[in-house]
Amino acid sequence: MPVNVHDTVLAAIGHTPLVKLNKLVGPNDATVYVKLEFMNPGGAIKDRMAVHMIDKAEKEGKLKPGGTIIENTSGNTGFGLAMVAAVRGYKCIFTMPDKMSAEKVNRLKAMGAQVVVTPTNVPADDPRSYYETAKRLVRETPGAFYPNQYHSPDNIEAHYLTTGPEIWQQLDGKVDYFVAGLGTGGTMSGAGKFFKEKNPKIQNVGVDPIGSIYAGYFKTGKVGDAHVYKVEGIGEDMLCAAMDFKVVDQVRQVDDRQSFIAARRLAREEGIFGGGSSGAAVHAAIEVAKEAGKGKTIVVVLPDSGNSYISKFYSDEWMRDNGFLEEKGPGTVREIVAARKQTLITAAKGEKIGRVIEDMKKHGISQMPVLAADGTAVGMIHEYDLLNCLVGGSYKLVDPIDALVAPLQGVVTLETTIPQLRQVFGQDNVAVVREGQKITAVVTKIDLIEFLAGA
């Protein structure tokens, strides 16, 4: 058969190009290659998983002719499944949270799928969530197949068999860092496992939006509270079985603004039209490139394109309305921190409970960031947790604080705007200021009040 000629569109999935970034990285930074997964025929990396999972379901008799594919999706998995369904004659029903763009909903409908929109700001186990709604529809629909991308090992296997080997072949094995957003976890778990088997020295870097639970769980082993965030297709409010943390070396957090600004820069400076999760991954990869330095090679996955986000972060009006394009002048966490003359008080991992209590009493604080030996933040220690452990008699003053450390909540950056900070305070008592992988300040409600009163 002639080169690059296929019997169906499904055979065109995979073998996406790697492109070097030239303007977003400096001359002394590591080399960064982006893998353009939006060049799959369905426009996203999820095409790989969709065809792999349906192939297996057909072979195992879980999906039969005339059946219905039902899945919870943020859009891209649904489109990949709808593409497979169109070629092979299946029906589709997809559930989606209401924060997803209208473009994503309409694309699915254009492929002949039925779309059920559900509320975003509900727990994963709430009957109204898009997870539970999909499960209910599966129970109610004869001949239904539920791919269950969040918990299926087939999700991982798709990337172990395709994404990882492609990158390895493209760069002849010369990979030092693999950077990918953490959503269902399939891309990192599958490709990351492949890389570790080929070379255990390769660093797998997961990218997690602030508001998701993954970064906190990775560092503390505890599931913290999830908060609503605007970047789509990345992060989770629950642990997914398709997320294998054993292959992950580090998890970096990014906020909405960093994700969207990076995506816009990627388009305007590199000519690469990526989605918000692509921006999140690129922002983290640029951080890694500066730290790793010249001579190292970083590969970062761009899961989808910007086509579904024209009305969102590619719109200046939308960016301004949501506080992501702030006007000049005071109005960010940077100004609040600069106006104070306070020293950040921290605790060290392994420090004794009694010592931490003394520090809290001495400095008049009720919570402290807990740092690892290299200075990176592990989590937070709160006076309420210390009080409970002592009252309950399960711990002594000489015991280490490690078991009491909670995941970081209310994480912000120096560029977080005051309106965004107010939203954080609506969910958390304090805001934790992060620069790169370091915690540099803790901002309280009274800090904001004093700043506004003095402005």
Foldseek 3Di string as FASTA:
>chain_A
DDPPDDPALLVQQAPFDWDWDDPLADPWFAIEIEGLNLPRPLFFVLLLLQVLLVVVCVVVVLADAAAEEEEEDQQSNLSSNLRVCLVRPYAYEYEHEPLRFPLSVVSNVVSVHHYHYFHDPDAPPPCRDRNNVSVVVQVVGPRYDYSQCLADVSLQQSQLPGVQVSVCVVVVNQAAEEFEFADSQNNCNNNLVNNCVVPVNRAYEYEAEAQAQVQLCLQQVDGDAGDDANAPDGGDRDHGNSRDCVSHDHYWYDYQLQLLVQQVCCCPPVVAFAGSSQSRRVSLVNLNRVVVTYPHYYYYYGGGGCPRACVASVDPVNCVVVPSDDDDDDFFLLVLVVVDDDAADAAEFFDFQLVVVVVCVVVVHFKHFYAYPVQFTSAMAGNVLSVVCVVVVVDDRRGTCSNRGGHHHQEDERGHGNVNSVVSVVPDQWHFYDDTRHTGDIGGPVSVVVVVVVD
